[in-house]
Amino acid sequence: MQIDAIQQVFMLFFAIFWGAVANVQPRWRAFHWPMVGRLPQARHRAIAAVIVLAALPIVFFAYGMWALQGRGPADTAPLAGSLHYAIRGVLPAFGFFGLYRLWLALIELRPDYFYASKPELIDEDYRHTEPTYRYGTDAPRPTPTVDIGRGAGPSNLRSAILYLIIAAAAPWCPLPSGAHRVTQLSCSGVVYYGQNIIGDKLRLQFSGREVHITGDATATSTFEDVLGYTICAETNAQVDFQYATSLKCGSDATRTGRIDKVTGKLHLERLDRGAPFVGAYDCKSARVLD
């Protein structure tokens, strides 16, 4: 699996935010395993933490990596490209803060389910490690405590939902002005069909996540399309695309293409007419519109 630049941005910020949340976990004793078998509240807390702070982040990370595949900017103005990375690469990583807010909401909605309310309810040997919960109006305690905001649970739950909706939708947001590329390349080369070698010229146009191929001038290219090729993977060095009737890419595609961004070398294949058509082209920029 090739990891696009925008996926790398998402990975970096997701890891940073996960680390930031992990730094505040010690006071909550979310994973207080020594007490799981001794205190029901510690057991409930550990189960919730495994689901909300361990399993769901993995699921969300997998979703983010899938949603961002091939959705990075290319051939864009610097400002527009930066906005693209910020909106599609950084915003999805904020989903981890949504999961943390969800954890807080669960604790604040049912504090007695996750923490003892008084030190006397905990075995004396463990009072120095197992926290109790207190509201701001309660007197300070010499034992570990977690401060619970009275009535703050619903607010944190709404914040969690808002965080997660924005983070989940960010990879699909329309590109900022100037980042929706329309790049047209003029390509010339040869097509190999069995023992035959045929000279060919075509135009390659990138528009969003689609690639359109048309014959040069009045000629019709063997690889010309009606619906457009779908970009399946993109890195800083190359673009892979396939001709399909849906947005899904698969190994059974009958027409595929790959272009090297650095050298302009274009490789096309068509497998739906008996012997395969294989095209090798050199491309140069015909028009770039930001």
Protein backbone atom coordinates (compact mmCIF):
# COMPACT_ATOMS: atom_id res chain seq x y z
CA MET A 1 0.00 0.00 0.00
CA GLN A 2 1.34 3.38 -1.03
CA ILE A 3 0.70 6.20 1.42
CA ASP A 4 -0.14 9.56 -0.13
CA ALA A 5 1.23 12.82 1.23
CA ILE A 6 -2.18 13.86 2.54
CA GLN A 7 -2.48 10.53 4.36
CA GLN A 8 0.91 11.20 5.96
CA VAL A 9 -0.37 14.58 7.20
CA PHE A 10 -3.40 12.87 8.71
CA MET A 11 -1.23 10.18 10.34
CA LEU A 12 1.09 12.80 11.86
CA PHE A 13 -1.65 14.94 13.41
CA PHE A 14 -3.69 11.93 14.52
CA ALA A 15 -0.62 10.65 16.38
CA ILE A 16 0.00 14.10 17.92
CA PHE A 17 -3.59 14.40 19.12
CA TRP A 18 -3.61 10.82 20.44
CA GLY A 19 -0.46 11.63 22.41
CA ALA A 20 -2.00 14.85 23.76
CA VAL A 21 -5.03 12.94 25.04
CA ALA A 22 -2.82 10.17 26.45
CA ASN A 23 -0.96 12.77 28.54
CA VAL A 24 -4.12 13.64 30.49
CA GLN A 25 -5.19 10.05 31.06
CA PRO A 26 -3.15 9.29 34.22
CA ARG A 27 -5.39 11.43 36.41
CA TRP A 28 -8.49 9.61 35.13
CA ARG A 29 -6.99 6.14 35.66
CA ALA A 30 -8.91 5.03 32.59
CA PHE A 31 -6.99 1.76 32.33
CA HIS A 32 -6.55 0.99 36.03
CA TRP A 33 -6.03 -2.73 35.53
CA PRO A 34 -4.93 -3.63 39.11
CA MET A 35 -8.34 -2.48 40.36
CA VAL A 36 -10.47 -4.08 37.64
CA GLY A 37 -11.05 -7.21 39.66
CA ARG A 38 -11.46 -5.38 42.97
CA LEU A 39 -13.81 -2.50 42.23
CA PRO A 40 -16.83 -2.49 39.87
CA GLN A 41 -16.30 1.16 38.96
CA ALA A 42 -12.71 0.48 37.81
CA ARG A 43 -13.98 -2.44 35.73
CA HIS A 44 -16.68 -0.32 34.07
CA ARG A 45 -14.12 2.40 33.43
CA ALA A 46 -11.65 0.02 31.80
CA ILE A 47 -14.32 -1.43 29.49
CA ALA A 48 -15.42 2.05 28.40
CA ALA A 49 -11.79 3.11 27.88
CA VAL A 50 -10.97 0.07 25.74
CA ILE A 51 -13.96 0.83 23.50
CA VAL A 52 -13.80 4.65 23.32
CA LEU A 53 -10.08 5.36 23.70
CA ALA A 54 -8.54 2.27 22.06
CA ALA A 55 -10.90 0.48 19.65
CA LEU A 56 -12.80 3.45 18.19
CA PRO A 57 -9.59 5.43 17.45
CA ILE A 58 -8.31 2.47 15.42
CA VAL A 59 -11.60 2.31 13.50
CA PHE A 60 -11.57 6.07 12.89
CA PHE A 61 -7.92 5.98 11.80
CA ALA A 62 -8.69 3.22 9.28
CA TYR A 63 -11.63 5.25 7.97
CA GLY A 64 -9.47 8.36 7.62
CA MET A 65 -6.75 6.52 5.70
CA TRP A 66 -9.35 5.00 3.38
CA ALA A 67 -11.21 8.27 2.81
CA LEU A 68 -8.02 10.22 2.04
CA GLN A 69 -6.54 7.81 -0.48
CA GLY A 70 -5.86 9.68 -3.70
CA ARG A 71 -7.43 12.90 -2.41
CA GLY A 72 -4.31 15.02 -2.06
CA PRO A 73 -3.69 18.23 -4.03
CA ALA A 74 -1.61 18.31 -7.17
CA ASP A 75 -0.61 21.10 -9.57
CA THR A 76 -2.15 23.71 -7.29
CA ALA A 77 -1.23 27.20 -6.16
CA PRO A 78 0.77 27.09 -2.90
CA LEU A 79 -1.95 28.74 -0.78
CA ALA A 80 -4.69 26.53 -2.18
CA GLY A 81 -2.56 23.43 -1.66
CA SER A 82 -1.92 24.40 1.97
CA LEU A 83 -5.64 24.91 2.56
CA HIS A 84 -6.26 21.52 0.98
CA TYR A 85 -3.87 19.81 3.39
CA ALA A 86 -5.36 21.70 6.34
CA ILE A 87 -8.98 20.87 5.49
CA ARG A 88 -8.60 17.31 4.25
CA GLY A 89 -5.46 16.26 6.11
CA VAL A 90 -5.58 17.97 9.51
CA LEU A 91 -9.30 18.34 10.26
CA PRO A 92 -10.00 14.57 10.16
CA ALA A 93 -7.37 14.06 12.88
CA PHE A 94 -9.47 16.19 15.24
CA GLY A 95 -11.79 13.20 15.43
CA PHE A 96 -9.66 11.93 18.29
CA PHE A 97 -10.69 14.92 20.39
CA GLY A 98 -14.28 13.96 19.63
CA LEU A 99 -13.66 10.51 21.07
CA TYR A 100 -12.07 12.06 24.17
CA ARG A 101 -15.12 14.31 24.59
CA LEU A 102 -17.28 11.21 24.28
CA TRP A 103 -15.28 9.62 27.11
CA LEU A 104 -15.77 12.73 29.28
CA ALA A 105 -19.51 12.75 28.54
CA LEU A 106 -19.87 9.14 29.65
CA ILE A 107 -18.05 9.87 32.92
CA GLU A 108 -20.03 13.04 33.63
CA LEU A 109 -23.39 11.51 32.80
CA ARG A 110 -22.85 8.50 35.08
CA PRO A 111 -20.07 9.37 37.56
CA ASP A 112 -21.19 6.79 40.15
CA TYR A 113 -20.91 4.06 37.53
CA PHE A 114 -17.24 4.81 36.85
CA TYR A 115 -15.87 6.17 40.16
CA ALA A 116 -16.59 5.81 43.84
CA SER A 117 -18.05 8.95 45.39
CA LYS A 118 -16.15 8.65 48.68
CA PRO A 119 -12.77 7.20 49.70
CA GLU A 120 -14.55 5.07 52.32
CA LEU A 121 -16.07 2.98 49.50
CA ILE A 122 -12.58 1.85 48.41
CA ASP A 123 -10.42 -0.68 50.22
CA GLU A 124 -8.03 1.26 52.44
CA ASP A 125 -4.97 -0.33 50.79
CA TYR A 126 -5.93 1.23 47.42
CA ARG A 127 -7.28 4.64 48.33
CA HIS A 128 -3.97 6.26 47.42
CA THR A 129 -4.18 4.98 43.82
CA GLU A 130 -7.89 4.71 42.95
CA PRO A 131 -9.48 8.15 42.46
CA THR A 132 -12.91 9.20 43.61
CA TYR A 133 -15.01 11.84 41.89
CA ARG A 134 -15.98 15.21 43.30
CA TYR A 135 -17.93 18.23 42.16
CA GLY A 136 -16.51 21.72 42.46
CA THR A 137 -18.61 22.42 45.53
CA ASP A 138 -17.24 19.40 47.43
CA ALA A 139 -14.47 19.80 49.98
CA PRO A 140 -10.92 18.89 48.85
CA ARG A 141 -9.71 15.38 49.72
CA PRO A 142 -6.24 14.06 50.53
CA THR A 143 -6.79 11.06 48.24
CA PRO A 144 -6.74 11.18 44.39
CA THR A 145 -9.84 12.76 42.88
CA VAL A 146 -11.22 13.59 39.45
CA ASP A 147 -13.24 16.78 39.13
CA ILE A 148 -16.62 16.31 37.49
CA GLY A 149 -18.56 19.22 36.06
CA ARG A 150 -22.13 19.05 37.31
CA GLY A 151 -24.42 19.00 34.27
CA ALA A 152 -21.47 19.10 31.82
CA GLY A 153 -22.19 15.65 30.34
CA PRO A 154 -24.74 16.75 27.69
CA SER A 155 -22.48 19.60 26.55
CA ASN A 156 -19.51 17.28 26.13
CA LEU A 157 -21.71 14.78 24.28
CA ARG A 158 -22.82 17.46 21.81
CA SER A 159 -19.21 18.57 21.38
CA ALA A 160 -18.14 14.98 20.72
CA ILE A 161 -20.79 14.53 18.03
CA LEU A 162 -19.82 17.84 16.38
CA TYR A 163 -16.11 16.94 16.41
CA LEU A 164 -16.77 13.52 14.88
CA ILE A 165 -19.13 14.81 12.18
CA ILE A 166 -16.67 17.50 11.06
CA ALA A 167 -13.72 15.10 11.16
CA ALA A 168 -15.57 12.38 9.23
CA ALA A 169 -16.85 14.82 6.59
CA ALA A 170 -13.57 16.73 6.08
CA PRO A 171 -12.01 14.29 3.55
CA TRP A 172 -15.03 14.79 1.30
CA CYS A 173 -15.19 18.58 1.50
CA PRO A 174 -15.06 20.47 -1.81
CA LEU A 175 -11.59 21.75 -2.62
CA PRO A 176 -10.85 25.35 -1.68
CA SER A 177 -10.86 27.89 -4.47
CA GLY A 178 -7.82 27.35 -6.63
CA ALA A 179 -7.17 23.81 -5.49
CA HIS A 180 -9.53 22.09 -7.93
CA ARG A 181 -7.06 21.27 -10.61
CA VAL A 182 -7.76 21.04 -14.30
CA THR A 183 -4.56 19.95 -15.98
CA GLN A 184 -4.33 19.07 -19.65
CA LEU A 185 -1.40 17.17 -21.13
CA SER A 186 -0.52 16.58 -24.75
CA CYS A 187 0.95 13.11 -25.31
CA SER A 188 2.53 11.35 -28.28
CA GLY A 189 3.86 7.82 -28.56
CA VAL A 190 3.11 4.38 -29.92
CA VAL A 191 0.54 1.66 -29.33
CA TYR A 192 1.57 -2.00 -29.40
CA TYR A 193 -1.16 -4.39 -30.59
CA GLY A 194 0.13 -7.89 -31.12
CA GLN A 195 2.90 -7.56 -33.72
CA ASN A 196 1.66 -4.14 -34.83
CA ILE A 197 3.10 -0.82 -33.74
CA ILE A 198 0.89 2.22 -34.31
CA GLY A 199 1.81 5.85 -33.82
CA ASP A 200 -0.68 7.74 -31.66
CA LYS A 201 -1.37 11.15 -30.14
CA LEU A 202 -3.83 11.97 -27.40
CA ARG A 203 -4.76 14.50 -24.76
CA LEU A 204 -4.92 13.67 -21.09
CA GLN A 205 -7.07 15.89 -18.87
CA PHE A 206 -7.15 15.70 -15.06
CA SER A 207 -10.24 17.10 -13.37
CA GLY A 208 -10.70 16.42 -9.67
CA ARG A 209 -10.53 12.64 -9.25
CA GLU A 210 -11.12 11.88 -12.93
CA VAL A 211 -8.89 11.52 -15.96
CA HIS A 212 -10.29 11.99 -19.46
CA ILE A 213 -8.52 10.80 -22.62
CA THR A 214 -9.35 12.19 -26.03
CA GLY A 215 -7.75 11.71 -29.42
CA ASP A 216 -5.55 14.48 -30.72
CA ALA A 217 -7.39 16.89 -33.05
CA THR A 218 -9.91 14.89 -35.16
CA ALA A 219 -8.37 11.47 -34.47
CA THR A 220 -9.92 8.92 -32.12
CA SER A 221 -7.57 7.25 -29.67
CA THR A 222 -7.76 3.56 -28.82
CA PHE A 223 -7.90 4.58 -25.17
CA GLU A 224 -10.53 7.29 -25.55
CA ASP A 225 -13.23 7.16 -22.85
CA VAL A 226 -16.83 8.17 -22.35
CA LEU A 227 -17.28 8.11 -18.58
CA GLY A 228 -13.73 9.04 -17.61
CA TYR A 229 -11.00 7.13 -15.84
CA THR A 230 -11.02 7.15 -12.02
CA ILE A 231 -7.86 8.06 -10.10
CA CYS A 232 -7.14 5.11 -7.82
CA ALA A 233 -3.85 6.15 -6.24
CA GLU A 234 -1.67 9.22 -6.33
CA THR A 235 1.71 10.07 -4.88
CA ASN A 236 4.13 12.91 -5.45
CA ALA A 237 5.73 10.82 -8.21
CA GLN A 238 2.90 9.17 -10.12
CA VAL A 239 -0.83 8.81 -10.72
CA ASP A 240 -2.61 5.47 -11.27
CA PHE A 241 -6.07 5.43 -12.85
CA GLN A 242 -8.59 2.90 -14.19
CA TYR A 243 -11.59 2.96 -16.47
CA ALA A 244 -14.64 1.78 -14.54
CA THR A 245 -18.39 2.36 -14.40
CA SER A 246 -18.18 3.24 -10.70
CA LEU A 247 -15.78 5.10 -8.43
CA LYS A 248 -14.37 1.82 -7.13
CA CYS A 249 -11.04 0.58 -8.37
CA GLY A 250 -10.40 -3.12 -8.78
CA SER A 251 -8.05 -5.65 -10.28
CA ASP A 252 -10.58 -6.56 -13.02
CA ALA A 253 -10.43 -3.21 -14.81
CA THR A 254 -10.15 -3.49 -18.59
CA ARG A 255 -8.35 -0.18 -19.06
CA THR A 256 -5.62 1.15 -16.81
CA GLY A 257 -3.09 3.94 -16.89
CA ARG A 258 -0.11 5.32 -15.03
CA ILE A 259 1.72 8.58 -15.54
CA ASP A 260 5.03 9.59 -14.03
CA LYS A 261 4.76 13.18 -12.83
CA VAL A 262 8.49 13.75 -13.05
CA THR A 263 9.31 12.39 -16.50
CA GLY A 264 5.88 12.68 -18.15
CA LYS A 265 5.99 9.02 -19.21
CA LEU A 266 2.49 7.63 -19.71
CA HIS A 267 1.65 3.92 -19.80
CA LEU A 268 -1.82 2.77 -20.92
CA GLU A 269 -3.33 -0.69 -21.31
CA ARG A 270 -6.60 -1.90 -22.79
CA LEU A 271 -7.62 -5.55 -22.40
CA ASP A 272 -11.19 -5.74 -23.73
CA ARG A 273 -10.46 -6.35 -27.42
CA GLY A 274 -8.67 -9.67 -27.63
CA ALA A 275 -4.95 -9.03 -27.72
CA PRO A 276 -3.97 -6.24 -25.34
CA PHE A 277 -3.35 -2.70 -26.49
CA VAL A 278 -0.31 -1.23 -24.73
CA GLY A 279 0.49 2.43 -25.16
CA ALA A 280 3.74 4.19 -24.31
CA TYR A 281 3.70 7.98 -24.50
CA ASP A 282 5.68 11.07 -23.64
CA CYS A 283 3.51 13.87 -22.28
CA LYS A 284 4.00 17.57 -21.85
CA SER A 285 1.80 20.21 -20.31
CA ALA A 286 -0.73 21.71 -22.70
CA ARG A 287 -2.64 23.81 -20.18
CA VAL A 288 -2.82 24.16 -16.41
CA LEU A 289 -5.69 26.04 -14.83
CA ASP A 290 -5.85 26.75 -11.09
